[in-house]
Amino acid sequence: MEITTIIDPRLIKTNMTAESKGDALSQLTTLLLDGGYITDVDGFIQDIYAREGEGMTGIGNYIAIPHGKSAFVKEIGVAIGVLEEEIPWETLDGKGVKGIILFAVGNDTAAAKQHLKLLSLFARKLGNDEVTENLLLSKNTDEVIKAFAI
């Protein structure tokens, strides 16, 4: 499984402006809805916040990987946002967030296995400082995909 084959270019938003975590999640969730990955924005966001309550999803280096298993997910997908300005977010290093990788995963057993594979795959890539730096500097969809191709 390669990240570049998982990424749907329609689910990438660069040069993003958001006032808050909620605003950013709303924008990315709308991409998932428009792409046919989820059936309900509000319900999906509630499931994301339920997961956020279990522990922070800001992994450091200005990156957050919010996710949550949800009955509102029709197809596993990953929405990626690159913000122009850092926004407040609970993170391991106390910094805000400029890059968001939002996972949409169903709540059945098969989806749970896929969820873990996706998280592991993205975590390995995001552990590489060059990938993270290139992602945060991306100005368009092609640059985001290229960042993960390293």
C-alpha atoms as a PDB file:
ATOM      1  CA  MET A   1       0.000   0.000   0.000  1.00  0.00           C
ATOM      2  CA  GLU A   2       1.510   3.309  -1.128  1.00  0.00           C
ATOM      3  CA  ILE A   3       0.361   6.690   0.180  1.00  0.00           C
ATOM      4  CA  THR A   4       0.421   8.209  -3.291  1.00  0.00           C
ATOM      5  CA  THR A   5      -2.165   5.668  -4.484  1.00  0.00           C
ATOM      6  CA  ILE A   6      -4.389   6.326  -1.461  1.00  0.00           C
ATOM      7  CA  ILE A   7      -4.449  10.106  -1.805  1.00  0.00           C
ATOM      8  CA  ASP A   8      -7.418  11.463  -3.776  1.00  0.00           C
ATOM      9  CA  PRO A   9      -6.392  14.841  -5.260  1.00  0.00           C
ATOM     10  CA  ARG A  10      -9.974  16.082  -4.747  1.00  0.00           C
ATOM     11  CA  LEU A  11      -9.409  15.786  -0.986  1.00  0.00           C
ATOM     12  CA  ILE A  12      -6.416  18.115  -0.828  1.00  0.00           C
ATOM     13  CA  LYS A  13      -6.740  21.769   0.100  1.00  0.00           C
ATOM     14  CA  THR A  14      -3.645  23.978   0.063  1.00  0.00           C
ATOM     15  CA  ASN A  15      -3.328  27.671   0.883  1.00  0.00           C
ATOM     16  CA  MET A  16      -6.071  27.027   3.410  1.00  0.00           C
ATOM     17  CA  THR A  17      -7.217  29.686   5.837  1.00  0.00           C
ATOM     18  CA  ALA A  18      -8.931  28.689   9.056  1.00  0.00           C
ATOM     19  CA  GLU A  19      -9.590  30.501  12.308  1.00  0.00           C
ATOM     20  CA  SER A  20      -9.705  27.384  14.480  1.00  0.00           C
ATOM     21  CA  LYS A  21      -9.537  23.607  14.668  1.00  0.00           C
ATOM     22  CA  GLY A  22     -13.302  23.463  14.164  1.00  0.00           C
ATOM     23  CA  ASP A  23     -13.136  25.638  11.076  1.00  0.00           C
ATOM     24  CA  ALA A  24     -10.336  23.534   9.558  1.00  0.00           C
ATOM     25  CA  LEU A  25     -12.135  20.252  10.319  1.00  0.00           C
ATOM     26  CA  SER A  26     -15.345  21.610   8.807  1.00  0.00           C
ATOM     27  CA  GLN A  27     -13.576  22.560   5.574  1.00  0.00           C
ATOM     28  CA  LEU A  28     -11.863  19.180   5.234  1.00  0.00           C
ATOM     29  CA  THR A  29     -15.008  17.271   6.150  1.00  0.00           C
ATOM     30  CA  THR A  30     -16.889  19.137   3.430  1.00  0.00           C
ATOM     31  CA  LEU A  31     -14.297  17.888   0.921  1.00  0.00           C
ATOM     32  CA  LEU A  32     -15.002  14.338   2.117  1.00  0.00           C
ATOM     33  CA  LEU A  33     -18.753  14.881   1.708  1.00  0.00           C
ATOM     34  CA  ASP A  34     -18.379  16.399  -1.759  1.00  0.00           C
ATOM     35  CA  GLY A  35     -16.112  13.500  -2.761  1.00  0.00           C
ATOM     36  CA  GLY A  36     -18.695  10.922  -1.678  1.00  0.00           C
ATOM     37  CA  TYR A  37     -16.638   9.546   1.206  1.00  0.00           C
ATOM     38  CA  ILE A  38     -19.048  10.480   4.006  1.00  0.00           C
ATOM     39  CA  THR A  39     -22.804  11.002   4.281  1.00  0.00           C
ATOM     40  CA  ASP A  40     -23.096  13.655   6.985  1.00  0.00           C
ATOM     41  CA  VAL A  41     -20.725  16.476   7.973  1.00  0.00           C
ATOM     42  CA  ASP A  42     -22.109  17.162  11.458  1.00  0.00           C
ATOM     43  CA  GLY A  43     -22.301  13.499  12.456  1.00  0.00           C
ATOM     44  CA  PHE A  44     -18.791  12.809  11.204  1.00  0.00           C
ATOM     45  CA  ILE A  45     -17.385  15.846  13.014  1.00  0.00           C
ATOM     46  CA  GLN A  46     -19.048  14.681  16.250  1.00  0.00           C
ATOM     47  CA  ASP A  47     -17.253  11.345  15.862  1.00  0.00           C
ATOM     48  CA  ILE A  48     -13.939  13.132  15.263  1.00  0.00           C
ATOM     49  CA  TYR A  49     -14.390  15.184  18.442  1.00  0.00           C
ATOM     50  CA  ALA A  50     -15.296  12.037  20.384  1.00  0.00           C
ATOM     51  CA  ARG A  51     -11.906  10.631  19.341  1.00  0.00           C
ATOM     52  CA  GLU A  52     -10.181  13.949  20.136  1.00  0.00           C
ATOM     53  CA  GLY A  53     -11.523  13.555  23.677  1.00  0.00           C
ATOM     54  CA  GLU A  54      -9.483  10.374  24.085  1.00  0.00           C
ATOM     55  CA  GLY A  55      -6.161  12.056  23.355  1.00  0.00           C
ATOM     56  CA  MET A  56      -4.519  14.730  21.281  1.00  0.00           C
ATOM     57  CA  THR A  57      -4.042  14.207  17.571  1.00  0.00           C
ATOM     58  CA  GLY A  58      -1.419  16.920  17.138  1.00  0.00           C
ATOM     59  CA  ILE A  59       1.704  14.823  16.671  1.00  0.00           C
ATOM     60  CA  GLY A  60       4.186  17.706  16.618  1.00  0.00           C
ATOM     61  CA  ASN A  61       6.105  19.505  13.880  1.00  0.00           C
ATOM     62  CA  TYR A  62       2.917  21.475  13.073  1.00  0.00           C
ATOM     63  CA  ILE A  63       1.057  18.298  12.010  1.00  0.00           C
ATOM     64  CA  ALA A  64      -2.252  16.875  13.238  1.00  0.00           C
ATOM     65  CA  ILE A  65      -3.812  13.551  12.285  1.00  0.00           C
ATOM     66  CA  PRO A  66      -7.436  13.773  13.445  1.00  0.00           C
ATOM     67  CA  HIS A  67      -9.470  10.640  12.888  1.00  0.00           C
ATOM     68  CA  GLY A  68     -12.410   8.750  14.175  1.00  0.00           C
ATOM     69  CA  LYS A  69     -14.331   5.666  13.257  1.00  0.00           C
ATOM     70  CA  SER A  70     -17.781   6.696  12.100  1.00  0.00           C
ATOM     71  CA  ALA A  71     -20.995   5.217  10.773  1.00  0.00           C
ATOM     72  CA  PHE A  72     -21.175   8.233   8.444  1.00  0.00           C
ATOM     73  CA  VAL A  73     -18.218   6.996   6.386  1.00  0.00           C
ATOM     74  CA  LYS A  74     -19.126   5.318   3.080  1.00  0.00           C
ATOM     75  CA  GLU A  75     -15.562   4.841   1.860  1.00  0.00           C
ATOM     76  CA  ILE A  76     -12.191   5.144   3.571  1.00  0.00           C
ATOM     77  CA  GLY A  77     -10.566   8.427   2.642  1.00  0.00           C
ATOM     78  CA  VAL A  78      -7.915  10.904   3.677  1.00  0.00           C
ATOM     79  CA  ALA A  79      -8.415  14.668   3.412  1.00  0.00           C
ATOM     80  CA  ILE A  80      -5.277  16.797   3.596  1.00  0.00           C
ATOM     81  CA  GLY A  81      -5.151  20.467   4.460  1.00  0.00           C
ATOM     82  CA  VAL A  82      -2.141  22.781   4.342  1.00  0.00           C
ATOM     83  CA  LEU A  83      -2.795  26.018   6.192  1.00  0.00           C
ATOM     84  CA  GLU A  84      -1.247  29.382   5.371  1.00  0.00           C
ATOM     85  CA  GLU A  85      -1.043  30.247   9.073  1.00  0.00           C
ATOM     86  CA  GLU A  86      -0.601  28.102  12.179  1.00  0.00           C
ATOM     87  CA  ILE A  87      -3.791  27.511  14.188  1.00  0.00           C
ATOM     88  CA  PRO A  88      -4.127  26.476  17.837  1.00  0.00           C
ATOM     89  CA  TRP A  89      -4.333  22.714  18.376  1.00  0.00           C
ATOM     90  CA  GLU A  90      -3.483  20.385  21.231  1.00  0.00           C
ATOM     91  CA  THR A  91      -0.098  18.924  20.211  1.00  0.00           C
ATOM     92  CA  LEU A  92       2.673  16.833  21.710  1.00  0.00           C
ATOM     93  CA  ASP A  93       5.202  19.658  21.303  1.00  0.00           C
ATOM     94  CA  GLY A  94       2.915  22.526  22.342  1.00  0.00           C
ATOM     95  CA  LYS A  95       3.036  24.174  18.905  1.00  0.00           C
ATOM     96  CA  GLY A  96       0.021  24.826  16.723  1.00  0.00           C
ATOM     97  CA  VAL A  97      -0.823  23.108  13.443  1.00  0.00           C
ATOM     98  CA  LYS A  98      -0.284  23.962   9.778  1.00  0.00           C
ATOM     99  CA  GLY A  99      -0.782  20.525   8.206  1.00  0.00           C
ATOM    100  CA  ILE A 100      -3.836  18.341   8.811  1.00  0.00           C
ATOM    101  CA  ILE A 101      -4.291  14.754   7.690  1.00  0.00           C
ATOM    102  CA  LEU A 102      -7.955  13.838   8.362  1.00  0.00           C
ATOM    103  CA  PHE A 103      -8.826  10.156   8.160  1.00  0.00           C
ATOM    104  CA  ALA A 104     -12.371   9.032   7.383  1.00  0.00           C
ATOM    105  CA  VAL A 105     -12.866   5.409   8.396  1.00  0.00           C
ATOM    106  CA  GLY A 106     -15.999   3.341   8.952  1.00  0.00           C
ATOM    107  CA  ASN A 107     -16.720   1.752  12.302  1.00  0.00           C
ATOM    108  CA  ASP A 108     -16.781  -1.925  11.299  1.00  0.00           C
ATOM    109  CA  THR A 109     -13.977  -4.448  11.895  1.00  0.00           C
ATOM    110  CA  ALA A 110     -12.570  -4.389   8.350  1.00  0.00           C
ATOM    111  CA  ALA A 111     -12.455  -0.594   8.402  1.00  0.00           C
ATOM    112  CA  ALA A 112     -10.702  -0.657  11.776  1.00  0.00           C
ATOM    113  CA  LYS A 113      -7.897  -2.778  10.292  1.00  0.00           C
ATOM    114  CA  GLN A 114      -7.571  -0.390   7.336  1.00  0.00           C
ATOM    115  CA  HIS A 115      -7.564   2.523   9.773  1.00  0.00           C
ATOM    116  CA  LEU A 116      -4.558   1.129  11.623  1.00  0.00           C
ATOM    117  CA  LYS A 117      -2.714   0.463   8.362  1.00  0.00           C
ATOM    118  CA  LEU A 118      -3.375   4.020   7.155  1.00  0.00           C
ATOM    119  CA  LEU A 119      -2.307   5.584  10.442  1.00  0.00           C
ATOM    120  CA  SER A 120       0.884   3.528  10.442  1.00  0.00           C
ATOM    121  CA  LEU A 121       1.655   4.360   6.825  1.00  0.00           C
ATOM    122  CA  PHE A 122       1.176   8.104   7.286  1.00  0.00           C
ATOM    123  CA  ALA A 123       2.958   8.126  10.669  1.00  0.00           C
ATOM    124  CA  ARG A 124       6.042   6.540   9.104  1.00  0.00           C
ATOM    125  CA  LYS A 125       6.092   9.158   6.334  1.00  0.00           C
ATOM    126  CA  LEU A 126       5.418  12.046   8.725  1.00  0.00           C
ATOM    127  CA  GLY A 127       8.284  10.865  10.924  1.00  0.00           C
ATOM    128  CA  ASN A 128      10.594  11.969   8.105  1.00  0.00           C
ATOM    129  CA  ASP A 129      11.408  15.675   8.567  1.00  0.00           C
ATOM    130  CA  GLU A 130      11.864  16.154   4.809  1.00  0.00           C
ATOM    131  CA  VAL A 131       8.337  14.859   4.109  1.00  0.00           C
ATOM    132  CA  THR A 132       6.851  17.115   6.786  1.00  0.00           C
ATOM    133  CA  GLU A 133       8.778  20.168   5.618  1.00  0.00           C
ATOM    134  CA  ASN A 134       7.788  19.617   1.971  1.00  0.00           C
ATOM    135  CA  LEU A 135       4.155  19.054   2.959  1.00  0.00           C
ATOM    136  CA  LEU A 136       3.993  22.283   4.945  1.00  0.00           C
ATOM    137  CA  LEU A 137       5.554  24.223   2.058  1.00  0.00           C
ATOM    138  CA  SER A 138       3.169  22.740  -0.547  1.00  0.00           C
ATOM    139  CA  LYS A 139       1.250  25.331  -2.550  1.00  0.00           C
ATOM    140  CA  ASN A 140      -0.781  22.935  -4.714  1.00  0.00           C
ATOM    141  CA  THR A 141      -2.106  19.382  -4.914  1.00  0.00           C
ATOM    142  CA  ASP A 142       0.827  18.054  -6.938  1.00  0.00           C
ATOM    143  CA  GLU A 143       3.319  19.316  -4.357  1.00  0.00           C
ATOM    144  CA  VAL A 144       1.385  17.577  -1.550  1.00  0.00           C
ATOM    145  CA  ILE A 145       1.425  14.273  -3.421  1.00  0.00           C
ATOM    146  CA  LYS A 146       5.117  14.728  -4.253  1.00  0.00           C
ATOM    147  CA  ALA A 147       5.903  15.390  -0.574  1.00  0.00           C
ATOM    148  CA  PHE A 148       4.533  11.969   0.349  1.00  0.00           C
ATOM    149  CA  ALA A 149       6.351  10.246  -2.542  1.00  0.00           C
ATOM    150  CA  ILE A 150       9.727  10.617  -0.768  1.00  0.00           C
END
